[in-house]
Amino acid sequence: MKKILTTLSLGVEYTTEYTLRLIEDVLKLSTLDLYITTNCRDVIEKKYKTEPRIFLKDIDLKDIQIRVPIGPNKAADDFNFNMRYLCLEHVQDINDALVIFTDCDNSFDWWDEKEIEQFLQQSIAQGYDYFGPRTSLTLQTCIDSFNLQCEKDEAQYTSSTIFWHKFFNYDMLQQSPLRVVPDKNHPWGQAGLPSEYLLLFYNRESKLKKMVEQWKWFHDYLVKRDYSWGTWAEGFEIGVSALIAGFRAKDIGYGGTVWGKVFTPNGYKTGPRAGKVYATLR
């Protein structure tokens, strides 16, 4: 089985301070190939010009909407996290492959091919092909919590679930008499909503391509809207898209499995291996 890592890297500072270090560790500690979607090819090629394990996909910031306005008054904006679908689009046609989808400010700390392979073969034999922290949290649970909170006090819906804004973003709400998600058993309800920093997909039967199509639909839906309530917590779009594509999720937790040894979340930004202060791309 081929094993690859895919990530998004935008901006010279981000690419220099985080992506180059992730690349160095992956090349040194593992046999993984790296697929990087970036607008800074020159920064990467300056250091790794002849490296055969690095595959770059160019994007032009003029062709994408980096930020989306928040609220009807558009007093603020949010980084367009749904752009991350481009990373999976980069690798969607590589079948019979483990695709590791992660942030480039994570640190890659450990790799043992035998242990990784054992985890994968056992999990795949059990029918799982999609892995991430918090995939056991279902959308239906979030919908039920949101609706219950709205029945008590509509003004406090933001305390119901971290995904409250998605119900507004994608017009899932019944406007009256209560602002609730109307379907008792929503067709997306069994989607597991992961933490976004690390996701693993065993791509077969073109499932990843189907997932990318759905996530791109979410992306396009929001950028065409006049405003949103933010794109953060993209585990919503990821989880629903994975469900529609036919992936079966296994919750790997935040450190209780082999993958907790491989990655430190935000390891090069706020974690134990942090370097310079991260500057938000504007």
C-alpha atoms as a PDB file:
ATOM      1  CA  MET A   1       0.000   0.000   0.000  1.00  0.00           C
ATOM      2  CA  LYS A   2       1.351   3.413  -0.953  1.00  0.00           C
ATOM      3  CA  LYS A   3       1.501   5.918   1.918  1.00  0.00           C
ATOM      4  CA  ILE A   4       1.479   9.661   1.287  1.00  0.00           C
ATOM      5  CA  LEU A   5       1.078  12.916   3.181  1.00  0.00           C
ATOM      6  CA  THR A   6      -0.801  15.916   1.797  1.00  0.00           C
ATOM      7  CA  THR A   7      -0.957  19.440   3.188  1.00  0.00           C
ATOM      8  CA  LEU A   8      -1.690  23.077   2.338  1.00  0.00           C
ATOM      9  CA  SER A   9       1.015  25.732   2.619  1.00  0.00           C
ATOM     10  CA  LEU A  10       0.244  29.376   1.835  1.00  0.00           C
ATOM     11  CA  GLY A  11       2.514  32.370   2.250  1.00  0.00           C
ATOM     12  CA  VAL A  12       6.292  32.705   2.409  1.00  0.00           C
ATOM     13  CA  GLU A  13       6.504  32.938   6.207  1.00  0.00           C
ATOM     14  CA  TYR A  14       4.210  29.978   6.819  1.00  0.00           C
ATOM     15  CA  THR A  15       6.020  27.863   4.231  1.00  0.00           C
ATOM     16  CA  THR A  16       9.464  28.809   5.509  1.00  0.00           C
ATOM     17  CA  GLU A  17       8.810  28.479   9.235  1.00  0.00           C
ATOM     18  CA  TYR A  18       6.605  25.373   9.239  1.00  0.00           C
ATOM     19  CA  THR A  19       6.347  23.509   5.952  1.00  0.00           C
ATOM     20  CA  LEU A  20      10.081  23.191   5.356  1.00  0.00           C
ATOM     21  CA  ARG A  21      10.506  21.682   8.822  1.00  0.00           C
ATOM     22  CA  LEU A  22       7.634  19.257   8.278  1.00  0.00           C
ATOM     23  CA  ILE A  23       9.213  18.200   4.988  1.00  0.00           C
ATOM     24  CA  GLU A  24      12.603  17.693   6.617  1.00  0.00           C
ATOM     25  CA  ASP A  25      11.188  15.466   9.341  1.00  0.00           C
ATOM     26  CA  VAL A  26       9.016  13.395   6.998  1.00  0.00           C
ATOM     27  CA  LEU A  27      11.926  12.767   4.619  1.00  0.00           C
ATOM     28  CA  LYS A  28      14.266  11.873   7.480  1.00  0.00           C
ATOM     29  CA  LEU A  29      11.981   9.692   9.593  1.00  0.00           C
ATOM     30  CA  SER A  30       9.723   7.943   7.060  1.00  0.00           C
ATOM     31  CA  THR A  31       9.330   6.694   3.505  1.00  0.00           C
ATOM     32  CA  LEU A  32       6.256   8.853   2.858  1.00  0.00           C
ATOM     33  CA  ASP A  33       5.863  10.910  -0.296  1.00  0.00           C
ATOM     34  CA  LEU A  34       4.717  14.505   0.228  1.00  0.00           C
ATOM     35  CA  TYR A  35       2.030  16.216  -1.843  1.00  0.00           C
ATOM     36  CA  ILE A  36       1.997  19.930  -1.082  1.00  0.00           C
ATOM     37  CA  THR A  37      -0.536  22.445  -2.389  1.00  0.00           C
ATOM     38  CA  THR A  38       1.135  25.847  -2.281  1.00  0.00           C
ATOM     39  CA  ASN A  39       1.670  29.290  -3.734  1.00  0.00           C
ATOM     40  CA  CYS A  40       5.342  29.143  -2.691  1.00  0.00           C
ATOM     41  CA  ARG A  41       6.915  26.565  -4.978  1.00  0.00           C
ATOM     42  CA  ASP A  42      10.100  28.646  -5.118  1.00  0.00           C
ATOM     43  CA  VAL A  43      10.571  28.490  -1.334  1.00  0.00           C
ATOM     44  CA  ILE A  44      10.298  24.705  -1.303  1.00  0.00           C
ATOM     45  CA  GLU A  45      12.342  24.106  -4.446  1.00  0.00           C
ATOM     46  CA  LYS A  46      15.128  26.347  -3.188  1.00  0.00           C
ATOM     47  CA  LYS A  47      15.829  23.723  -0.529  1.00  0.00           C
ATOM     48  CA  TYR A  48      14.427  20.535  -2.122  1.00  0.00           C
ATOM     49  CA  LYS A  49      14.649  21.117  -5.856  1.00  0.00           C
ATOM     50  CA  THR A  50      15.668  17.586  -6.827  1.00  0.00           C
ATOM     51  CA  GLU A  51      13.819  15.626  -4.141  1.00  0.00           C
ATOM     52  CA  PRO A  52      11.783  12.890  -5.938  1.00  0.00           C
ATOM     53  CA  ARG A  53       9.454  12.345  -2.946  1.00  0.00           C
ATOM     54  CA  ILE A  54       7.978  15.865  -3.117  1.00  0.00           C
ATOM     55  CA  PHE A  55       5.079  16.646  -5.469  1.00  0.00           C
ATOM     56  CA  LEU A  56       3.919  20.255  -5.664  1.00  0.00           C
ATOM     57  CA  LYS A  57       0.575  21.623  -6.821  1.00  0.00           C
ATOM     58  CA  ASP A  58       0.591  25.337  -7.614  1.00  0.00           C
ATOM     59  CA  ILE A  59      -2.223  27.670  -6.657  1.00  0.00           C
ATOM     60  CA  ASP A  60      -2.506  31.381  -7.399  1.00  0.00           C
ATOM     61  CA  LEU A  61      -4.030  33.436  -4.598  1.00  0.00           C
ATOM     62  CA  LYS A  62      -5.741  35.554  -7.239  1.00  0.00           C
ATOM     63  CA  ASP A  63      -7.817  32.518  -8.226  1.00  0.00           C
ATOM     64  CA  ILE A  64      -9.107  31.636  -4.763  1.00  0.00           C
ATOM     65  CA  GLN A  65     -11.028  33.420  -2.028  1.00  0.00           C
ATOM     66  CA  ILE A  66      -8.747  33.333   0.984  1.00  0.00           C
ATOM     67  CA  ARG A  67     -11.168  34.957   3.424  1.00  0.00           C
ATOM     68  CA  VAL A  68     -14.953  35.108   3.705  1.00  0.00           C
ATOM     69  CA  PRO A  69     -16.992  37.846   5.411  1.00  0.00           C
ATOM     70  CA  ILE A  70     -18.716  37.127   8.720  1.00  0.00           C
ATOM     71  CA  GLY A  71     -22.200  38.375   9.574  1.00  0.00           C
ATOM     72  CA  PRO A  72     -24.650  40.606   7.690  1.00  0.00           C
ATOM     73  CA  ASN A  73     -22.630  43.726   8.524  1.00  0.00           C
ATOM     74  CA  LYS A  74     -19.391  42.062   7.386  1.00  0.00           C
ATOM     75  CA  ALA A  75     -17.553  43.589  10.317  1.00  0.00           C
ATOM     76  CA  ALA A  76     -15.077  40.708  10.358  1.00  0.00           C
ATOM     77  CA  ASP A  77     -13.845  37.901   8.141  1.00  0.00           C
ATOM     78  CA  ASP A  78     -12.505  34.384   8.491  1.00  0.00           C
ATOM     79  CA  PHE A  79      -9.811  32.350   6.762  1.00  0.00           C
ATOM     80  CA  ASN A  80     -11.468  30.108   4.185  1.00  0.00           C
ATOM     81  CA  PHE A  81     -10.651  26.739   5.764  1.00  0.00           C
ATOM     82  CA  ASN A  82     -12.698  24.957   3.105  1.00  0.00           C
ATOM     83  CA  MET A  83      -9.840  25.649   0.697  1.00  0.00           C
ATOM     84  CA  ARG A  84      -8.187  22.632   2.273  1.00  0.00           C
ATOM     85  CA  TYR A  85     -10.191  20.419  -0.068  1.00  0.00           C
ATOM     86  CA  LEU A  86      -7.517  21.315  -2.638  1.00  0.00           C
ATOM     87  CA  CYS A  87      -5.043  19.107  -0.739  1.00  0.00           C
ATOM     88  CA  LEU A  88      -7.235  16.059  -1.210  1.00  0.00           C
ATOM     89  CA  GLU A  89      -7.953  17.002  -4.806  1.00  0.00           C
ATOM     90  CA  HIS A  90      -4.198  16.822  -5.339  1.00  0.00           C
ATOM     91  CA  VAL A  91      -4.160  13.104  -4.441  1.00  0.00           C
ATOM     92  CA  GLN A  92      -7.712  11.968  -5.179  1.00  0.00           C
ATOM     93  CA  ASP A  93      -6.714   9.725  -8.090  1.00  0.00           C
ATOM     94  CA  ILE A  94      -4.088   7.734  -6.163  1.00  0.00           C
ATOM     95  CA  ASN A  95      -5.915   4.507  -5.355  1.00  0.00           C
ATOM     96  CA  ASP A  96      -4.914   1.793  -2.891  1.00  0.00           C
ATOM     97  CA  ALA A  97      -3.143   4.446  -0.842  1.00  0.00           C
ATOM     98  CA  LEU A  98      -3.130   5.699   2.719  1.00  0.00           C
ATOM     99  CA  VAL A  99      -3.583   9.458   2.506  1.00  0.00           C
ATOM    100  CA  ILE A 100      -2.446  11.397   5.580  1.00  0.00           C
ATOM    101  CA  PHE A 101      -4.105  14.804   5.600  1.00  0.00           C
ATOM    102  CA  THR A 102      -2.612  17.225   8.125  1.00  0.00           C
ATOM    103  CA  ASP A 103      -1.684  20.824   8.881  1.00  0.00           C
ATOM    104  CA  CYS A 104       1.815  21.843   7.893  1.00  0.00           C
ATOM    105  CA  ASP A 105       2.462  23.449  11.291  1.00  0.00           C
ATOM    106  CA  ASN A 106       2.230  20.038  12.980  1.00  0.00           C
ATOM    107  CA  SER A 107       5.476  18.331  13.860  1.00  0.00           C
ATOM    108  CA  PHE A 108       6.204  14.862  12.522  1.00  0.00           C
ATOM    109  CA  ASP A 109       7.979  13.076  15.353  1.00  0.00           C
ATOM    110  CA  TRP A 110       8.068   9.308  14.825  1.00  0.00           C
ATOM    111  CA  TRP A 111       7.468   6.553  12.284  1.00  0.00           C
ATOM    112  CA  ASP A 112       7.601   2.774  12.463  1.00  0.00           C
ATOM    113  CA  GLU A 113       6.575   1.075   9.233  1.00  0.00           C
ATOM    114  CA  LYS A 114       5.761  -2.258  10.860  1.00  0.00           C
ATOM    115  CA  GLU A 115       3.560  -0.737  13.562  1.00  0.00           C
ATOM    116  CA  ILE A 116       1.795   1.569  11.106  1.00  0.00           C
ATOM    117  CA  GLU A 117       1.126  -1.279   8.711  1.00  0.00           C
ATOM    118  CA  GLN A 118      -0.231  -3.484  11.484  1.00  0.00           C
ATOM    119  CA  PHE A 119      -2.656  -0.757  12.563  1.00  0.00           C
ATOM    120  CA  LEU A 120      -3.848  -0.257   8.995  1.00  0.00           C
ATOM    121  CA  GLN A 121      -4.281  -3.909   8.102  1.00  0.00           C
ATOM    122  CA  GLN A 122      -6.226  -4.662  11.278  1.00  0.00           C
ATOM    123  CA  SER A 123      -8.450  -1.597  10.836  1.00  0.00           C
ATOM    124  CA  ILE A 124      -9.118  -2.203   7.147  1.00  0.00           C
ATOM    125  CA  ALA A 125      -9.949  -5.861   7.888  1.00  0.00           C
ATOM    126  CA  GLN A 126     -12.581  -4.554  10.326  1.00  0.00           C
ATOM    127  CA  GLY A 127     -14.099  -2.421   7.558  1.00  0.00           C
ATOM    128  CA  TYR A 128     -12.655   0.976   8.484  1.00  0.00           C
ATOM    129  CA  ASP A 129     -11.070   3.250   5.886  1.00  0.00           C
ATOM    130  CA  TYR A 130     -11.233   6.715   7.485  1.00  0.00           C
ATOM    131  CA  PHE A 131      -9.504   7.652  10.724  1.00  0.00           C
ATOM    132  CA  GLY A 132      -9.338  10.769  12.867  1.00  0.00           C
ATOM    133  CA  PRO A 133      -9.783  12.176  16.364  1.00  0.00           C
ATOM    134  CA  ARG A 134     -13.418  12.796  17.411  1.00  0.00           C
ATOM    135  CA  THR A 135     -15.078  10.936  14.534  1.00  0.00           C
ATOM    136  CA  SER A 136     -17.370   9.341  17.128  1.00  0.00           C
ATOM    137  CA  LEU A 137     -19.150  12.697  17.518  1.00  0.00           C
ATOM    138  CA  THR A 138     -22.091  12.548  15.103  1.00  0.00           C
ATOM    139  CA  LEU A 139     -23.818  15.433  13.400  1.00  0.00           C
ATOM    140  CA  GLN A 140     -27.166  14.191  14.714  1.00  0.00           C
ATOM    141  CA  THR A 141     -25.883  14.635  18.272  1.00  0.00           C
ATOM    142  CA  CYS A 142     -24.936  18.226  17.441  1.00  0.00           C
ATOM    143  CA  ILE A 143     -28.298  18.876  15.764  1.00  0.00           C
ATOM    144  CA  ASP A 144     -30.199  17.547  18.775  1.00  0.00           C
ATOM    145  CA  SER A 145     -28.126  19.678  21.148  1.00  0.00           C
ATOM    146  CA  PHE A 146     -28.619  22.763  18.992  1.00  0.00           C
ATOM    147  CA  ASN A 147     -32.381  22.265  18.735  1.00  0.00           C
ATOM    148  CA  LEU A 148     -32.724  21.683  22.468  1.00  0.00           C
ATOM    149  CA  GLN A 149     -30.777  24.861  23.239  1.00  0.00           C
ATOM    150  CA  CYS A 150     -32.902  26.881  20.812  1.00  0.00           C
ATOM    151  CA  GLU A 151     -36.087  25.636  22.459  1.00  0.00           C
ATOM    152  CA  LYS A 152     -34.748  26.896  25.794  1.00  0.00           C
ATOM    153  CA  ASP A 153     -33.248  30.173  24.641  1.00  0.00           C
ATOM    154  CA  GLU A 154     -32.658  30.928  20.976  1.00  0.00           C
ATOM    155  CA  ALA A 155     -30.233  33.730  21.824  1.00  0.00           C
ATOM    156  CA  GLN A 156     -27.849  31.168  23.337  1.00  0.00           C
ATOM    157  CA  TYR A 157     -27.549  28.802  20.368  1.00  0.00           C
ATOM    158  CA  THR A 158     -23.797  29.456  20.187  1.00  0.00           C
ATOM    159  CA  SER A 159     -23.341  27.442  23.388  1.00  0.00           C
ATOM    160  CA  SER A 160     -25.084  24.374  21.957  1.00  0.00           C
ATOM    161  CA  THR A 161     -22.291  22.983  19.767  1.00  0.00           C
ATOM    162  CA  ILE A 162     -19.119  24.230  18.090  1.00  0.00           C
ATOM    163  CA  PHE A 163     -20.833  23.514  14.774  1.00  0.00           C
ATOM    164  CA  TRP A 164     -23.792  25.885  15.337  1.00  0.00           C
ATOM    165  CA  HIS A 165     -22.645  28.230  12.566  1.00  0.00           C
ATOM    166  CA  LYS A 166     -22.781  25.468   9.948  1.00  0.00           C
ATOM    167  CA  PHE A 167     -26.569  25.272  10.299  1.00  0.00           C
ATOM    168  CA  PHE A 168     -26.757  28.943   9.336  1.00  0.00           C
ATOM    169  CA  ASN A 169     -24.069  28.724   6.647  1.00  0.00           C
ATOM    170  CA  TYR A 170     -25.786  25.953   4.713  1.00  0.00           C
ATOM    171  CA  ASP A 171     -29.387  27.109   5.220  1.00  0.00           C
ATOM    172  CA  MET A 172     -30.338  24.058   7.258  1.00  0.00           C
ATOM    173  CA  LEU A 173     -32.666  25.971   9.575  1.00  0.00           C
ATOM    174  CA  GLN A 174     -36.415  26.246   9.863  1.00  0.00           C
ATOM    175  CA  GLN A 175     -36.983  29.950  10.481  1.00  0.00           C
ATOM    176  CA  SER A 176     -40.221  29.787  12.454  1.00  0.00           C
ATOM    177  CA  PRO A 177     -41.670  29.215  14.920  1.00  0.00           C
ATOM    178  CA  LEU A 178     -38.232  28.145  16.188  1.00  0.00           C
ATOM    179  CA  ARG A 179     -34.877  28.496  14.478  1.00  0.00           C
ATOM    180  CA  VAL A 180     -34.099  24.782  14.516  1.00  0.00           C
ATOM    181  CA  VAL A 181     -32.818  22.131  12.119  1.00  0.00           C
ATOM    182  CA  PRO A 182     -36.177  20.604  11.109  1.00  0.00           C
ATOM    183  CA  ASP A 183     -35.247  17.015  10.258  1.00  0.00           C
ATOM    184  CA  LYS A 184     -35.562  14.742  13.292  1.00  0.00           C
ATOM    185  CA  ASN A 185     -33.282  12.235  11.587  1.00  0.00           C
ATOM    186  CA  HIS A 186     -31.168  14.301   9.245  1.00  0.00           C
ATOM    187  CA  PRO A 187     -29.773  12.524   6.152  1.00  0.00           C
ATOM    188  CA  TRP A 188     -26.307  13.703   7.198  1.00  0.00           C
ATOM    189  CA  GLY A 189     -26.920  12.790  10.825  1.00  0.00           C
ATOM    190  CA  GLN A 190     -24.552   9.798  11.038  1.00  0.00           C
ATOM    191  CA  ALA A 191     -21.568  11.794   9.791  1.00  0.00           C
ATOM    192  CA  GLY A 192     -18.713  11.705  12.298  1.00  0.00           C
ATOM    193  CA  LEU A 193     -17.288  15.208  12.796  1.00  0.00           C
ATOM    194  CA  PRO A 194     -13.522  14.968  13.333  1.00  0.00           C
ATOM    195  CA  SER A 195     -10.882  17.261  14.689  1.00  0.00           C
ATOM    196  CA  GLU A 196      -9.274  18.655  11.560  1.00  0.00           C
ATOM    197  CA  TYR A 197      -5.557  18.586  12.367  1.00  0.00           C
ATOM    198  CA  LEU A 198      -5.054  14.943  11.359  1.00  0.00           C
ATOM    199  CA  LEU A 199      -7.120  12.703   9.099  1.00  0.00           C
ATOM    200  CA  LEU A 200      -6.294   9.418   7.401  1.00  0.00           C
ATOM    201  CA  PHE A 201      -8.050   7.909   4.407  1.00  0.00           C
ATOM    202  CA  TYR A 202      -7.532   4.569   2.761  1.00  0.00           C
ATOM    203  CA  ASN A 203      -8.454   5.543  -0.782  1.00  0.00           C
ATOM    204  CA  ARG A 204     -10.137   2.832  -2.846  1.00  0.00           C
ATOM    205  CA  GLU A 205     -13.082   2.665  -5.223  1.00  0.00           C
ATOM    206  CA  SER A 206     -12.614   6.393  -5.961  1.00  0.00           C
ATOM    207  CA  LYS A 207     -14.014   7.305  -2.543  1.00  0.00           C
ATOM    208  CA  LEU A 208     -11.631  10.213  -2.107  1.00  0.00           C
ATOM    209  CA  LYS A 209     -12.743  11.722  -5.397  1.00  0.00           C
ATOM    210  CA  LYS A 210     -16.372  11.535  -4.265  1.00  0.00           C
ATOM    211  CA  MET A 211     -15.427  13.174  -0.999  1.00  0.00           C
ATOM    212  CA  VAL A 212     -13.604  15.999  -2.761  1.00  0.00           C
ATOM    213  CA  GLU A 213     -16.629  16.660  -4.952  1.00  0.00           C
ATOM    214  CA  GLN A 214     -18.841  17.133  -1.901  1.00  0.00           C
ATOM    215  CA  TRP A 215     -16.340  19.245   0.039  1.00  0.00           C
ATOM    216  CA  LYS A 216     -15.886  21.469  -3.021  1.00  0.00           C
ATOM    217  CA  TRP A 217     -19.682  21.864  -3.100  1.00  0.00           C
ATOM    218  CA  PHE A 218     -19.576  23.160   0.478  1.00  0.00           C
ATOM    219  CA  HIS A 219     -16.677  25.463  -0.422  1.00  0.00           C
ATOM    220  CA  ASP A 220     -18.438  26.905  -3.441  1.00  0.00           C
ATOM    221  CA  TYR A 221     -21.706  27.312  -1.525  1.00  0.00           C
ATOM    222  CA  LEU A 222     -20.087  29.553   1.068  1.00  0.00           C
ATOM    223  CA  VAL A 223     -17.947  31.699  -1.212  1.00  0.00           C
ATOM    224  CA  LYS A 224     -21.043  32.466  -3.292  1.00  0.00           C
ATOM    225  CA  ARG A 225     -23.002  33.611  -0.255  1.00  0.00           C
ATOM    226  CA  ASP A 226     -23.100  37.270   0.674  1.00  0.00           C
ATOM    227  CA  TYR A 227     -21.704  36.367   4.096  1.00  0.00           C
ATOM    228  CA  SER A 228     -21.219  33.388   6.420  1.00  0.00           C
ATOM    229  CA  TRP A 229     -20.777  32.868  10.144  1.00  0.00           C
ATOM    230  CA  GLY A 230     -17.242  31.589   9.615  1.00  0.00           C
ATOM    231  CA  THR A 231     -15.649  28.513   8.047  1.00  0.00           C
ATOM    232  CA  TRP A 232     -13.796  27.299  11.158  1.00  0.00           C
ATOM    233  CA  ALA A 233     -14.536  23.779  12.469  1.00  0.00           C
ATOM    234  CA  GLU A 234     -14.347  22.336   8.972  1.00  0.00           C
ATOM    235  CA  GLY A 235     -14.702  18.926  10.564  1.00  0.00           C
ATOM    236  CA  PHE A 236     -18.367  19.420   9.660  1.00  0.00           C
ATOM    237  CA  GLU A 237     -17.681  19.563   5.919  1.00  0.00           C
ATOM    238  CA  ILE A 238     -15.078  16.814   6.181  1.00  0.00           C
ATOM    239  CA  GLY A 239     -17.350  14.472   8.119  1.00  0.00           C
ATOM    240  CA  VAL A 240     -20.385  14.956   5.900  1.00  0.00           C
ATOM    241  CA  SER A 241     -18.302  14.638   2.739  1.00  0.00           C
ATOM    242  CA  ALA A 242     -16.696  11.425   4.014  1.00  0.00           C
ATOM    243  CA  LEU A 243     -20.140   9.991   4.826  1.00  0.00           C
ATOM    244  CA  ILE A 244     -21.483  10.791   1.369  1.00  0.00           C
ATOM    245  CA  ALA A 245     -18.383   9.252  -0.223  1.00  0.00           C
ATOM    246  CA  GLY A 246     -18.972   5.995   1.672  1.00  0.00           C
ATOM    247  CA  PHE A 247     -16.028   6.094   4.077  1.00  0.00           C
ATOM    248  CA  ARG A 248     -16.413   4.257   7.389  1.00  0.00           C
ATOM    249  CA  ALA A 249     -14.889   6.142  10.318  1.00  0.00           C
ATOM    250  CA  LYS A 250     -12.770   4.907  13.213  1.00  0.00           C
ATOM    251  CA  ASP A 251     -12.060   7.307  16.070  1.00  0.00           C
ATOM    252  CA  ILE A 252      -8.308   7.296  16.839  1.00  0.00           C
ATOM    253  CA  GLY A 253      -8.529   9.781  19.706  1.00  0.00           C
ATOM    254  CA  TYR A 254      -6.011  12.508  20.467  1.00  0.00           C
ATOM    255  CA  GLY A 255      -3.049  10.393  21.469  1.00  0.00           C
ATOM    256  CA  GLY A 256      -4.164   6.916  22.462  1.00  0.00           C
ATOM    257  CA  THR A 257      -3.086   5.174  19.268  1.00  0.00           C
ATOM    258  CA  VAL A 258       0.010   4.924  17.149  1.00  0.00           C
ATOM    259  CA  TRP A 259      -0.861   8.250  15.504  1.00  0.00           C
ATOM    260  CA  GLY A 260      -0.434  10.131  18.751  1.00  0.00           C
ATOM    261  CA  LYS A 261       3.256   9.263  18.511  1.00  0.00           C
ATOM    262  CA  VAL A 262       3.550  10.371  14.889  1.00  0.00           C
ATOM    263  CA  PHE A 263       2.166  13.912  15.120  1.00  0.00           C
ATOM    264  CA  THR A 264       2.195  16.739  17.642  1.00  0.00           C
ATOM    265  CA  PRO A 265      -0.694  19.115  16.811  1.00  0.00           C
ATOM    266  CA  ASN A 266       0.567  22.635  16.141  1.00  0.00           C
ATOM    267  CA  GLY A 267       3.972  21.343  17.147  1.00  0.00           C
ATOM    268  CA  TYR A 268       5.829  24.045  15.269  1.00  0.00           C
ATOM    269  CA  LYS A 269       3.370  26.806  16.190  1.00  0.00           C
ATOM    270  CA  THR A 270       2.314  26.455  19.819  1.00  0.00           C
ATOM    271  CA  GLY A 271       3.476  22.966  20.710  1.00  0.00           C
ATOM    272  CA  PRO A 272       6.708  21.758  22.337  1.00  0.00           C
ATOM    273  CA  ARG A 273       8.703  22.346  19.154  1.00  0.00           C
ATOM    274  CA  ALA A 274       7.392  25.859  18.524  1.00  0.00           C
ATOM    275  CA  GLY A 275       9.592  28.361  16.763  1.00  0.00           C
ATOM    276  CA  LYS A 276       8.716  31.840  15.660  1.00  0.00           C
ATOM    277  CA  VAL A 277       5.247  33.227  16.336  1.00  0.00           C
ATOM    278  CA  TYR A 278       2.779  32.282  13.609  1.00  0.00           C
ATOM    279  CA  ALA A 279       1.563  35.222  11.522  1.00  0.00           C
ATOM    280  CA  THR A 280      -1.960  34.859  10.125  1.00  0.00           C
ATOM    281  CA  LEU A 281      -2.162  35.123   6.356  1.00  0.00           C
ATOM    282  CA  ARG A 282      -4.281  38.137   5.491  1.00  0.00           C
END
